Amino acid sequence: MEVKVLNISGKETGAKVQLPESVFGIEPNDHAIYLDVKQYLANQRQGTHKSKQRNEIAGSTRKLYKQKGTGGARAGSIKSPLFNGGGRVFGPQPRDYSFKLNKKLKSLARKSALAYKAKDNNVVVLEDFSFDTIKTKNFTSLLAALKVDTQKTLLVLPAQNNNIYLSSRNVQKTKVIAASDLNTYDVLNAGVLVLTADSVKTLEEAFAK
């Protein structure tokens, strides 16, 4: 699939980039995507939730009133889950939500996500660029020139670039990542995928391994 290369002013440079069929042209695997996104979201969870059981509540264990003759239900400790302020039955406990996925499956999921973006014509390719200074205005001007300023945008760079990253950090609905950090969730969450010419090569080399 050939895509025209644009400059940072949003105009065609006359060059074209071939999106590799081995990455952007595969038949997407929905189940692989599901598992990879599930793992990504699970890894975002701290898992520090905790409620107290009856043995952890501070309070007396004496019997509240005699067993029989009150007309009410029998009761023991004030820490019983039946009482206000008592322990909680089967409450949440700290746990680790992460789980393992095979490298090949994760690679397939990422390629599937990229293939969906290519199939929907939501891939924009820029010539390689950088900013001389850290200015949010530079980045918002770039988005406006590409006509993607109203959409969720994921910009994939061939390597970490602090000037571009810091210029984008205060812009809503936009994320800038290096090609090595590309993940299925970010690709699917974005409306438009913006690549540079070098990041296309970097992705092709990464998925060829």
N, C-alpha and C. Protein backbone atom coordinates (compact mmCIF):
# COMPACT_ATOMS: atom_id res chain seq x y z
N MET A 1 0.85 -1.20 0.00
CA MET A 1 0.00 0.00 0.00
C MET A 1 0.89 1.25 0.00
N GLU A 2 0.69 2.12 -0.99
CA GLU A 2 1.49 3.34 -1.10
C GLU A 2 0.77 4.51 -0.45
N VAL A 3 1.54 5.31 0.28
CA VAL A 3 0.98 6.50 0.93
C VAL A 3 1.85 7.69 0.58
N LYS A 4 1.20 8.82 0.25
CA LYS A 4 1.94 10.04 -0.07
C LYS A 4 2.57 10.62 1.20
N VAL A 5 3.79 11.12 1.06
CA VAL A 5 4.50 11.71 2.19
C VAL A 5 4.21 13.20 2.24
N LEU A 6 3.82 13.69 3.43
CA LEU A 6 3.53 15.12 3.61
C LEU A 6 4.65 15.79 4.40
N ASN A 7 4.76 17.11 4.26
CA ASN A 7 5.69 17.84 5.12
C ASN A 7 4.91 18.41 6.31
N ILE A 8 5.60 19.14 7.19
CA ILE A 8 4.92 19.62 8.41
C ILE A 8 3.93 20.73 8.12
N SER A 9 3.90 21.20 6.87
CA SER A 9 2.89 22.19 6.48
C SER A 9 1.65 21.51 5.91
N GLY A 10 1.68 20.17 5.86
CA GLY A 10 0.53 19.42 5.36
C GLY A 10 0.49 19.29 3.85
N LYS A 11 1.58 19.71 3.17
CA LYS A 11 1.60 19.63 1.71
C LYS A 11 2.39 18.42 1.24
N GLU A 12 2.03 17.91 0.07
CA GLU A 12 2.71 16.73 -0.47
C GLU A 12 4.13 17.08 -0.88
N THR A 13 5.05 16.16 -0.57
CA THR A 13 6.46 16.39 -0.92
C THR A 13 6.79 15.79 -2.30
N GLY A 14 5.88 14.99 -2.83
CA GLY A 14 6.14 14.31 -4.10
C GLY A 14 6.66 12.90 -3.89
N ALA A 15 7.11 12.62 -2.67
CA ALA A 15 7.62 11.27 -2.35
C ALA A 15 6.46 10.37 -1.90
N LYS A 16 6.68 9.08 -2.02
CA LYS A 16 5.71 8.09 -1.54
C LYS A 16 6.41 7.04 -0.71
N VAL A 17 5.68 6.50 0.25
CA VAL A 17 6.22 5.44 1.10
C VAL A 17 5.36 4.20 0.94
N GLN A 18 6.01 3.07 0.80
CA GLN A 18 5.31 1.80 0.68
C GLN A 18 5.12 1.22 2.08
N LEU A 19 3.87 1.13 2.52
CA LEU A 19 3.61 0.49 3.81
C LEU A 19 3.77 -1.02 3.63
N PRO A 20 4.67 -1.65 4.38
CA PRO A 20 4.95 -3.08 4.15
C PRO A 20 3.72 -3.96 4.33
N GLU A 21 3.48 -4.82 3.36
CA GLU A 21 2.32 -5.73 3.40
C GLU A 21 2.42 -6.68 4.60
N SER A 22 3.64 -7.01 4.99
CA SER A 22 3.83 -7.96 6.10
C SER A 22 3.37 -7.38 7.44
N VAL A 23 3.19 -6.06 7.48
CA VAL A 23 2.74 -5.40 8.72
C VAL A 23 1.34 -4.82 8.54
N PHE A 24 1.18 -3.97 7.52
CA PHE A 24 -0.08 -3.24 7.34
C PHE A 24 -1.08 -3.96 6.45
N GLY A 25 -0.66 -5.07 5.82
CA GLY A 25 -1.54 -5.72 4.87
C GLY A 25 -2.03 -7.09 5.30
N ILE A 26 -1.79 -7.45 6.57
CA ILE A 26 -2.20 -8.78 7.02
C ILE A 26 -3.70 -8.82 7.31
N GLU A 27 -4.24 -10.03 7.44
CA GLU A 27 -5.65 -10.20 7.86
C GLU A 27 -5.68 -10.04 9.38
N PRO A 28 -6.36 -9.00 9.90
CA PRO A 28 -6.34 -8.75 11.35
C PRO A 28 -6.92 -9.92 12.15
N ASN A 29 -6.31 -10.17 13.30
CA ASN A 29 -6.78 -11.22 14.21
C ASN A 29 -7.42 -10.56 15.42
N ASP A 30 -8.75 -10.58 15.48
CA ASP A 30 -9.47 -9.87 16.53
C ASP A 30 -9.21 -10.44 17.92
N HIS A 31 -9.05 -11.76 18.00
CA HIS A 31 -8.85 -12.36 19.32
C HIS A 31 -7.47 -11.98 19.88
N ALA A 32 -6.46 -11.91 19.02
CA ALA A 32 -5.13 -11.48 19.46
C ALA A 32 -5.19 -10.04 19.97
N ILE A 33 -5.94 -9.20 19.26
CA ILE A 33 -6.11 -7.80 19.70
C ILE A 33 -6.77 -7.75 21.07
N TYR A 34 -7.83 -8.54 21.23
CA TYR A 34 -8.56 -8.58 22.50
C TYR A 34 -7.64 -8.95 23.66
N LEU A 35 -6.83 -9.99 23.46
CA LEU A 35 -5.95 -10.45 24.54
C LEU A 35 -4.88 -9.41 24.87
N ASP A 36 -4.32 -8.78 23.84
CA ASP A 36 -3.25 -7.80 24.07
C ASP A 36 -3.78 -6.55 24.76
N VAL A 37 -4.96 -6.08 24.35
CA VAL A 37 -5.57 -4.92 24.99
C VAL A 37 -5.96 -5.26 26.44
N LYS A 38 -6.47 -6.46 26.63
CA LYS A 38 -6.83 -6.91 27.97
C LYS A 38 -5.60 -6.91 28.89
N GLN A 39 -4.47 -7.39 28.35
CA GLN A 39 -3.24 -7.41 29.15
C GLN A 39 -2.76 -5.98 29.46
N TYR A 40 -2.82 -5.11 28.45
CA TYR A 40 -2.39 -3.71 28.63
C TYR A 40 -3.20 -3.04 29.74
N LEU A 41 -4.53 -3.20 29.69
CA LEU A 41 -5.39 -2.57 30.70
C LEU A 41 -5.20 -3.21 32.08
N ALA A 42 -4.96 -4.52 32.09
CA ALA A 42 -4.72 -5.21 33.37
C ALA A 42 -3.45 -4.69 34.01
N ASN A 43 -2.44 -4.40 33.18
CA ASN A 43 -1.17 -3.91 33.71
C ASN A 43 -1.26 -2.49 34.25
N GLN A 44 -2.33 -1.76 33.86
CA GLN A 44 -2.51 -0.41 34.39
C GLN A 44 -3.08 -0.43 35.81
N ARG A 45 -3.61 -1.57 36.22
CA ARG A 45 -4.27 -1.66 37.52
C ARG A 45 -3.24 -1.84 38.64
N GLN A 46 -3.36 -1.05 39.70
CA GLN A 46 -2.43 -1.15 40.82
C GLN A 46 -2.70 -2.39 41.67
N GLY A 47 -3.97 -2.75 41.75
CA GLY A 47 -4.33 -3.93 42.54
C GLY A 47 -4.13 -3.75 44.03
N THR A 48 -4.19 -2.50 44.52
CA THR A 48 -3.96 -2.24 45.95
C THR A 48 -5.28 -2.15 46.74
N HIS A 49 -6.40 -2.53 46.11
CA HIS A 49 -7.69 -2.47 46.81
C HIS A 49 -7.70 -3.42 48.01
N LYS A 50 -8.33 -2.97 49.08
CA LYS A 50 -8.33 -3.78 50.31
C LYS A 50 -9.48 -3.36 51.20
N SER A 51 -10.23 -4.33 51.70
CA SER A 51 -11.23 -4.05 52.74
C SER A 51 -10.93 -4.95 53.94
N LYS A 52 -11.39 -4.56 55.11
CA LYS A 52 -11.07 -5.32 56.33
C LYS A 52 -12.08 -6.44 56.58
N GLN A 53 -11.55 -7.59 56.92
CA GLN A 53 -12.41 -8.69 57.34
C GLN A 53 -12.65 -8.57 58.84
N ARG A 54 -13.50 -9.42 59.36
CA ARG A 54 -13.91 -9.25 60.77
C ARG A 54 -12.74 -9.42 61.74
N ASN A 55 -11.73 -10.20 61.35
CA ASN A 55 -10.59 -10.38 62.25
C ASN A 55 -9.63 -9.19 62.24
N GLU A 56 -9.86 -8.22 61.31
CA GLU A 56 -8.96 -7.05 61.22
C GLU A 56 -9.60 -5.78 61.78
N ILE A 57 -10.87 -5.86 62.13
CA ILE A 57 -11.58 -4.69 62.67
C ILE A 57 -11.18 -4.47 64.13
N ALA A 58 -10.99 -3.20 64.49
CA ALA A 58 -10.70 -2.86 65.90
C ALA A 58 -12.03 -2.84 66.66
N GLY A 59 -12.13 -3.63 67.69
CA GLY A 59 -13.37 -3.66 68.47
C GLY A 59 -13.38 -4.83 69.43
N SER A 60 -14.32 -4.80 70.33
CA SER A 60 -14.42 -5.85 71.35
C SER A 60 -15.01 -7.13 70.75
N THR A 61 -14.67 -8.24 71.36
CA THR A 61 -15.25 -9.51 70.92
C THR A 61 -16.25 -10.05 71.94
N ARG A 62 -16.57 -9.22 72.92
CA ARG A 62 -17.52 -9.70 73.93
C ARG A 62 -18.89 -9.90 73.30
N LYS A 63 -19.66 -10.80 73.92
CA LYS A 63 -21.02 -11.04 73.43
C LYS A 63 -21.88 -9.84 73.75
N LEU A 64 -22.66 -9.36 72.76
CA LEU A 64 -23.39 -8.10 72.91
C LEU A 64 -24.50 -8.19 73.96
N TYR A 65 -25.22 -9.28 73.93
CA TYR A 65 -26.29 -9.50 74.92
C TYR A 65 -26.51 -10.99 75.02
N LYS A 66 -27.30 -11.37 75.99
CA LYS A 66 -27.46 -12.80 76.25
C LYS A 66 -28.06 -13.52 75.04
N GLN A 67 -27.82 -14.81 74.99
CA GLN A 67 -28.20 -15.60 73.82
C GLN A 67 -29.71 -15.68 73.64
N LYS A 68 -30.42 -15.87 74.75
CA LYS A 68 -31.85 -16.14 74.64
C LYS A 68 -32.67 -15.15 75.44
N GLY A 69 -33.91 -15.04 75.08
CA GLY A 69 -34.84 -14.27 75.89
C GLY A 69 -34.99 -12.82 75.52
N THR A 70 -34.27 -12.32 74.50
CA THR A 70 -34.40 -10.89 74.14
C THR A 70 -35.45 -10.67 73.06
N GLY A 71 -35.82 -11.72 72.37
CA GLY A 71 -36.77 -11.58 71.27
C GLY A 71 -36.10 -11.21 69.97
N GLY A 72 -34.82 -10.88 70.03
CA GLY A 72 -34.09 -10.52 68.81
C GLY A 72 -33.20 -11.67 68.36
N ALA A 73 -32.58 -11.46 67.21
CA ALA A 73 -31.68 -12.49 66.69
C ALA A 73 -30.44 -12.59 67.58
N ARG A 74 -29.91 -13.81 67.71
CA ARG A 74 -28.71 -14.01 68.53
C ARG A 74 -27.53 -13.27 67.89
N ALA A 75 -26.66 -12.74 68.71
CA ALA A 75 -25.52 -11.97 68.19
C ALA A 75 -24.31 -12.20 69.07
N GLY A 76 -23.14 -12.24 68.40
CA GLY A 76 -21.89 -12.40 69.14
C GLY A 76 -21.12 -11.10 69.12
N SER A 77 -20.06 -11.05 68.29
CA SER A 77 -19.16 -9.90 68.26
C SER A 77 -19.77 -8.71 67.51
N ILE A 78 -19.41 -7.51 67.95
CA ILE A 78 -19.82 -6.28 67.26
C ILE A 78 -19.13 -6.17 65.90
N LYS A 79 -18.08 -6.99 65.71
CA LYS A 79 -17.33 -6.96 64.45
C LYS A 79 -17.96 -7.82 63.37
N SER A 80 -19.11 -8.40 63.67
CA SER A 80 -19.80 -9.24 62.69
C SER A 80 -20.15 -8.44 61.44
N PRO A 81 -20.06 -9.04 60.26
CA PRO A 81 -20.42 -8.35 59.02
C PRO A 81 -21.88 -7.88 58.98
N LEU A 82 -22.70 -8.41 59.87
CA LEU A 82 -24.12 -8.02 59.89
C LEU A 82 -24.32 -6.63 60.46
N PHE A 83 -23.34 -6.14 61.22
CA PHE A 83 -23.49 -4.84 61.89
C PHE A 83 -22.76 -3.73 61.14
N ASN A 84 -23.31 -2.50 61.26
CA ASN A 84 -22.66 -1.34 60.70
C ASN A 84 -21.28 -1.15 61.35
N GLY A 85 -20.25 -1.03 60.52
CA GLY A 85 -18.90 -0.90 61.06
C GLY A 85 -18.20 -2.23 61.25
N GLY A 86 -18.90 -3.32 60.92
CA GLY A 86 -18.29 -4.63 61.04
C GLY A 86 -17.42 -4.96 59.84
N GLY A 87 -16.85 -6.16 59.85
CA GLY A 87 -16.00 -6.57 58.73
C GLY A 87 -16.80 -6.79 57.46
N ARG A 88 -16.10 -6.91 56.36
CA ARG A 88 -16.77 -7.14 55.08
C ARG A 88 -16.54 -8.59 54.64
N VAL A 89 -17.60 -9.22 54.16
CA VAL A 89 -17.49 -10.61 53.72
C VAL A 89 -16.99 -10.67 52.28
N PHE A 90 -15.95 -11.45 52.03
CA PHE A 90 -15.41 -11.64 50.68
C PHE A 90 -15.08 -10.32 49.98
N GLY A 91 -14.52 -9.37 50.72
CA GLY A 91 -14.16 -8.07 50.15
C GLY A 91 -12.90 -8.18 49.31
N PRO A 92 -12.56 -7.10 48.59
CA PRO A 92 -11.36 -7.12 47.73
C PRO A 92 -10.08 -7.22 48.53
N GLN A 93 -9.12 -7.97 48.01
CA GLN A 93 -7.81 -8.12 48.63
C GLN A 93 -6.75 -7.71 47.61
N PRO A 94 -5.59 -7.22 48.05
CA PRO A 94 -4.54 -6.86 47.08
C PRO A 94 -4.16 -8.04 46.19
N ARG A 95 -4.03 -7.76 44.90
CA ARG A 95 -3.67 -8.83 43.98
C ARG A 95 -2.99 -8.25 42.73
N ASP A 96 -2.30 -9.10 42.02
CA ASP A 96 -1.62 -8.72 40.79
C ASP A 96 -2.49 -9.16 39.61
N TYR A 97 -2.88 -8.21 38.76
CA TYR A 97 -3.79 -8.52 37.64
C TYR A 97 -3.04 -8.93 36.37
N SER A 98 -1.71 -8.82 36.37
CA SER A 98 -0.97 -9.09 35.14
C SER A 98 -1.01 -10.57 34.77
N PHE A 99 -0.89 -10.83 33.48
CA PHE A 99 -0.82 -12.22 33.01
C PHE A 99 0.09 -12.27 31.79
N LYS A 100 0.57 -13.44 31.47
CA LYS A 100 1.58 -13.61 30.42
C LYS A 100 0.93 -13.83 29.05
N LEU A 101 1.54 -13.23 28.03
CA LEU A 101 1.16 -13.51 26.65
C LEU A 101 2.43 -13.82 25.86
N ASN A 102 2.31 -14.69 24.88
CA ASN A 102 3.47 -15.01 24.06
C ASN A 102 3.87 -13.83 23.17
N LYS A 103 5.17 -13.72 22.89
CA LYS A 103 5.67 -12.61 22.08
C LYS A 103 5.06 -12.61 20.68
N LYS A 104 4.90 -13.79 20.10
CA LYS A 104 4.34 -13.88 18.75
C LYS A 104 2.90 -13.38 18.71
N LEU A 105 2.14 -13.69 19.75
CA LEU A 105 0.75 -13.24 19.81
C LEU A 105 0.68 -11.72 19.94
N LYS A 106 1.56 -11.15 20.79
CA LYS A 106 1.58 -9.69 20.97
C LYS A 106 1.98 -8.99 19.67
N SER A 107 2.93 -9.60 18.95
CA SER A 107 3.36 -9.04 17.67
C SER A 107 2.22 -9.09 16.66
N LEU A 108 1.48 -10.19 16.64
CA LEU A 108 0.34 -10.34 15.74
C LEU A 108 -0.74 -9.31 16.06
N ALA A 109 -0.96 -9.06 17.35
CA ALA A 109 -1.98 -8.09 17.77
C ALA A 109 -1.61 -6.68 17.29
N ARG A 110 -0.34 -6.31 17.43
CA ARG A 110 0.08 -4.97 17.00
C ARG A 110 -0.04 -4.82 15.48
N LYS A 111 0.37 -5.86 14.76
CA LYS A 111 0.25 -5.80 13.30
C LYS A 111 -1.22 -5.74 12.88
N SER A 112 -2.07 -6.44 13.60
CA SER A 112 -3.51 -6.42 13.30
C SER A 112 -4.09 -5.03 13.51
N ALA A 113 -3.67 -4.37 14.59
CA ALA A 113 -4.15 -3.01 14.87
C ALA A 113 -3.69 -2.04 13.78
N LEU A 114 -2.44 -2.18 13.35
CA LEU A 114 -1.91 -1.32 12.28
C LEU A 114 -2.64 -1.61 10.96
N ALA A 115 -2.96 -2.89 10.72
CA ALA A 115 -3.66 -3.26 9.50
C ALA A 115 -5.06 -2.63 9.45
N TYR A 116 -5.73 -2.59 10.61
CA TYR A 116 -7.05 -1.95 10.67
C TYR A 116 -6.96 -0.47 10.32
N LYS A 117 -5.92 0.20 10.85
CA LYS A 117 -5.74 1.63 10.56
C LYS A 117 -5.49 1.86 9.07
N ALA A 118 -4.66 0.98 8.48
CA ALA A 118 -4.37 1.12 7.04
C ALA A 118 -5.61 0.85 6.20
N LYS A 119 -6.38 -0.16 6.61
CA LYS A 119 -7.60 -0.54 5.87
C LYS A 119 -8.62 0.59 5.88
N ASP A 120 -8.67 1.34 7.00
CA ASP A 120 -9.62 2.45 7.13
C ASP A 120 -9.06 3.78 6.61
N ASN A 121 -7.86 3.73 5.99
CA ASN A 121 -7.20 4.94 5.48
C ASN A 121 -6.98 5.99 6.56
N ASN A 122 -6.61 5.53 7.75
CA ASN A 122 -6.35 6.44 8.86
C ASN A 122 -4.86 6.51 9.20
N VAL A 123 -4.03 6.36 8.17
CA VAL A 123 -2.58 6.45 8.34
C VAL A 123 -2.06 7.65 7.55
N VAL A 124 -1.33 8.53 8.23
CA VAL A 124 -0.70 9.69 7.59
C VAL A 124 0.81 9.54 7.73
N VAL A 125 1.54 9.75 6.65
CA VAL A 125 3.00 9.64 6.70
C VAL A 125 3.63 11.02 6.49
N LEU A 126 4.49 11.41 7.44
CA LEU A 126 5.19 12.69 7.38
C LEU A 126 6.65 12.47 7.00
N GLU A 127 7.25 13.48 6.39
CA GLU A 127 8.71 13.40 6.23
C GLU A 127 9.33 13.58 7.61
N ASP A 128 10.55 13.10 7.79
CA ASP A 128 11.20 13.20 9.10
C ASP A 128 11.42 14.66 9.48
N PHE A 129 11.12 14.99 10.72
CA PHE A 129 11.21 16.38 11.17
C PHE A 129 11.61 16.43 12.63
N SER A 130 11.92 17.64 13.08
CA SER A 130 12.19 17.88 14.49
C SER A 130 11.89 19.35 14.77
N PHE A 131 11.73 19.70 16.04
CA PHE A 131 11.53 21.09 16.44
C PHE A 131 12.81 21.63 17.07
N ASP A 132 13.14 22.89 16.75
CA ASP A 132 14.35 23.49 17.33
C ASP A 132 14.15 23.83 18.80
N THR A 133 12.91 24.19 19.13
CA THR A 133 12.61 24.56 20.52
C THR A 133 11.37 23.80 20.98
N ILE A 134 11.17 23.83 22.30
CA ILE A 134 9.98 23.18 22.87
C ILE A 134 8.86 24.21 22.93
N LYS A 135 7.92 24.10 21.99
CA LYS A 135 6.79 25.03 21.97
C LYS A 135 5.53 24.26 21.59
N THR A 136 4.50 24.39 22.42
CA THR A 136 3.22 23.74 22.14
C THR A 136 2.63 24.25 20.82
N LYS A 137 2.87 25.52 20.53
CA LYS A 137 2.31 26.12 19.31
C LYS A 137 2.84 25.41 18.06
N ASN A 138 4.11 24.97 18.11
CA ASN A 138 4.67 24.24 16.96
C ASN A 138 3.87 22.97 16.69
N PHE A 139 3.51 22.29 17.79
CA PHE A 139 2.82 21.01 17.64
C PHE A 139 1.37 21.21 17.21
N THR A 140 0.70 22.20 17.78
CA THR A 140 -0.71 22.44 17.39
C THR A 140 -0.79 22.91 15.93
N SER A 141 0.22 23.65 15.48
CA SER A 141 0.26 24.08 14.08
C SER A 141 0.43 22.88 13.16
N LEU A 142 1.24 21.92 13.59
CA LEU A 142 1.44 20.69 12.81
C LEU A 142 0.13 19.92 12.67
N LEU A 143 -0.60 19.76 13.78
CA LEU A 143 -1.87 19.04 13.75
C LEU A 143 -2.89 19.74 12.86
N ALA A 144 -2.91 21.08 12.95
CA ALA A 144 -3.85 21.85 12.13
C ALA A 144 -3.51 21.71 10.65
N ALA A 145 -2.22 21.72 10.32
CA ALA A 145 -1.80 21.59 8.92
C ALA A 145 -2.18 20.24 8.35
N LEU A 146 -2.14 19.21 9.21
CA LEU A 146 -2.50 17.85 8.77
C LEU A 146 -4.00 17.60 8.84
N LYS A 147 -4.74 18.59 9.38
CA LYS A 147 -6.20 18.51 9.54
C LYS A 147 -6.62 17.34 10.43
N VAL A 148 -5.84 17.12 11.48
CA VAL A 148 -6.19 16.05 12.45
C VAL A 148 -6.32 16.63 13.86
N ASP A 149 -6.42 17.97 13.95
CA ASP A 149 -6.45 18.63 15.26
C ASP A 149 -7.73 18.36 16.04
N THR A 150 -8.77 17.84 15.37
CA THR A 150 -10.02 17.55 16.08
C THR A 150 -10.15 16.07 16.41
N GLN A 151 -9.15 15.28 16.03
CA GLN A 151 -9.23 13.83 16.24
C GLN A 151 -8.18 13.36 17.23
N LYS A 152 -8.42 12.19 17.80
CA LYS A 152 -7.39 11.56 18.62
C LYS A 152 -6.24 11.16 17.72
N THR A 153 -5.05 11.57 18.07
CA THR A 153 -3.90 11.36 17.18
C THR A 153 -2.77 10.66 17.92
N LEU A 154 -2.18 9.68 17.24
CA LEU A 154 -0.99 9.01 17.76
C LEU A 154 0.15 9.25 16.79
N LEU A 155 1.19 9.97 17.26
CA LEU A 155 2.37 10.24 16.43
C LEU A 155 3.47 9.26 16.82
N VAL A 156 3.93 8.50 15.85
CA VAL A 156 4.97 7.49 16.10
C VAL A 156 6.29 7.96 15.51
N LEU A 157 7.28 8.15 16.37
CA LEU A 157 8.60 8.61 15.94
C LEU A 157 9.57 7.42 15.88
N PRO A 158 10.60 7.50 15.04
CA PRO A 158 11.56 6.38 14.96
C PRO A 158 12.34 6.20 16.26
N ALA A 159 12.55 7.31 17.00
CA ALA A 159 13.27 7.26 18.28
C ALA A 159 12.75 8.40 19.15
N GLN A 160 13.11 8.36 20.43
CA GLN A 160 12.66 9.39 21.36
C GLN A 160 13.18 10.77 20.94
N ASN A 161 12.28 11.75 20.90
CA ASN A 161 12.66 13.13 20.56
C ASN A 161 12.02 14.05 21.60
N ASN A 162 12.84 14.57 22.49
CA ASN A 162 12.31 15.35 23.62
C ASN A 162 11.62 16.63 23.19
N ASN A 163 12.14 17.30 22.18
CA ASN A 163 11.52 18.56 21.74
C ASN A 163 10.09 18.33 21.23
N ILE A 164 9.91 17.27 20.46
CA ILE A 164 8.56 16.97 19.95
C ILE A 164 7.66 16.47 21.08
N TYR A 165 8.20 15.57 21.90
CA TYR A 165 7.41 14.99 22.99
C TYR A 165 6.93 16.07 23.97
N LEU A 166 7.85 16.94 24.40
CA LEU A 166 7.49 17.98 25.38
C LEU A 166 6.58 19.04 24.76
N SER A 167 6.69 19.25 23.45
CA SER A 167 5.80 20.21 22.78
C SER A 167 4.37 19.68 22.70
N SER A 168 4.23 18.35 22.73
CA SER A 168 2.90 17.75 22.57
C SER A 168 2.22 17.47 23.90
N ARG A 169 2.97 17.56 24.99
CA ARG A 169 2.48 17.02 26.26
C ARG A 169 1.25 17.75 26.80
N ASN A 170 1.09 19.01 26.40
CA ASN A 170 -0.04 19.79 26.92
C ASN A 170 -1.22 19.82 25.94
N VAL A 171 -1.14 19.00 24.89
CA VAL A 171 -2.21 18.99 23.87
C VAL A 171 -3.12 17.79 24.13
N GLN A 172 -4.42 18.08 24.25
CA GLN A 172 -5.37 17.01 24.52
C GLN A 172 -5.54 16.10 23.31
N LYS A 173 -5.95 14.86 23.58
CA LYS A 173 -6.27 13.88 22.54
C LYS A 173 -5.08 13.56 21.63
N THR A 174 -3.86 13.76 22.13
CA THR A 174 -2.67 13.51 21.33
C THR A 174 -1.64 12.74 22.16
N LYS A 175 -0.99 11.79 21.53
CA LYS A 175 0.07 11.04 22.21
C LYS A 175 1.24 10.87 21.25
N VAL A 176 2.44 11.04 21.77
CA VAL A 176 3.66 10.87 20.97
C VAL A 176 4.48 9.75 21.60
N ILE A 177 4.81 8.73 20.79
CA ILE A 177 5.62 7.62 21.29
C ILE A 177 6.69 7.24 20.28
N ALA A 178 7.70 6.54 20.76
CA ALA A 178 8.72 5.99 19.87
C ALA A 178 8.19 4.68 19.29
N ALA A 179 8.66 4.31 18.11
CA ALA A 179 8.20 3.09 17.44
C ALA A 179 8.42 1.86 18.31
N SER A 180 9.48 1.88 19.11
CA SER A 180 9.78 0.73 19.97
C SER A 180 8.77 0.57 21.10
N ASP A 181 8.01 1.64 21.40
CA ASP A 181 7.01 1.60 22.49
C ASP A 181 5.59 1.41 21.97
N LEU A 182 5.46 1.16 20.68
CA LEU A 182 4.13 1.02 20.08
C LEU A 182 3.36 -0.12 20.73
N ASN A 183 2.09 0.13 21.08
CA ASN A 183 1.27 -0.94 21.64
C ASN A 183 -0.11 -0.93 21.00
N THR A 184 -0.77 -2.07 21.08
CA THR A 184 -2.06 -2.27 20.40
C THR A 184 -3.11 -1.28 20.89
N TYR A 185 -3.17 -1.05 22.20
CA TYR A 185 -4.20 -0.18 22.78
C TYR A 185 -4.10 1.23 22.22
N ASP A 186 -2.89 1.80 22.20
CA ASP A 186 -2.72 3.18 21.72
C ASP A 186 -3.09 3.31 20.24
N VAL A 187 -2.75 2.30 19.44
CA VAL A 187 -3.06 2.34 18.01
C VAL A 187 -4.58 2.35 17.81
N LEU A 188 -5.28 1.47 18.52
CA LEU A 188 -6.74 1.37 18.36
C LEU A 188 -7.47 2.57 18.97
N ASN A 189 -6.88 3.12 20.04
CA ASN A 189 -7.51 4.24 20.73
C ASN A 189 -7.43 5.53 19.93
N ALA A 190 -6.47 5.61 19.02
CA ALA A 190 -6.28 6.81 18.20
C ALA A 190 -7.20 6.77 16.98
N GLY A 191 -7.67 7.95 16.59
CA GLY A 191 -8.47 8.03 15.36
C GLY A 191 -7.57 8.02 14.14
N VAL A 192 -6.41 8.70 14.27
CA VAL A 192 -5.47 8.82 13.16
C VAL A 192 -4.07 8.43 13.64
N LEU A 193 -3.41 7.63 12.82
CA LEU A 193 -2.04 7.21 13.11
C LEU A 193 -1.10 8.02 12.23
N VAL A 194 -0.23 8.82 12.85
CA VAL A 194 0.72 9.64 12.09
C VAL A 194 2.12 9.04 12.25
N LEU A 195 2.69 8.64 11.11
CA LEU A 195 4.02 8.03 11.11
C LEU A 195 5.00 8.95 10.39
N THR A 196 6.28 8.82 10.70
CA THR A 196 7.28 9.48 9.88
C THR A 196 7.86 8.42 8.94
N ALA A 197 8.56 8.87 7.90
CA ALA A 197 9.11 7.93 6.92
C ALA A 197 10.05 6.94 7.59
N ASP A 198 10.86 7.43 8.55
CA ASP A 198 11.80 6.55 9.24
C ASP A 198 11.10 5.59 10.20
N SER A 199 10.01 6.02 10.81
CA SER A 199 9.32 5.14 11.75
C SER A 199 8.65 3.97 11.02
N VAL A 200 8.28 4.16 9.74
CA VAL A 200 7.75 3.05 8.94
C VAL A 200 8.82 1.97 8.79
N LYS A 201 10.06 2.41 8.50
CA LYS A 201 11.17 1.47 8.36
C LYS A 201 11.47 0.78 9.69
N THR A 202 11.43 1.57 10.77
CA THR A 202 11.71 1.01 12.10
C THR A 202 10.69 -0.07 12.47
N LEU A 203 9.41 0.19 12.16
CA LEU A 203 8.36 -0.78 12.44
C LEU A 203 8.55 -2.05 11.61
N GLU A 204 8.90 -1.87 10.33
CA GLU A 204 9.10 -3.03 9.45
C GLU A 204 10.24 -3.91 9.98
N GLU A 205 11.33 -3.26 10.42
CA GLU A 205 12.48 -4.01 10.94
C GLU A 205 12.12 -4.71 12.26
N ALA A 206 11.34 -4.02 13.11
CA ALA A 206 10.97 -4.59 14.41
C ALA A 206 10.09 -5.83 14.24
N PHE A 207 9.14 -5.77 13.30
CA PHE A 207 8.23 -6.91 13.11
C PHE A 207 8.84 -8.02 12.27
N ALA A 208 9.97 -7.73 11.62
CA ALA A 208 10.63 -8.75 10.81
C ALA A 208 11.42 -9.73 11.67
N LYS A 209 11.67 -9.32 12.94
CA LYS A 209 12.49 -10.18 13.83
C LYS A 209 11.69 -11.40 14.27
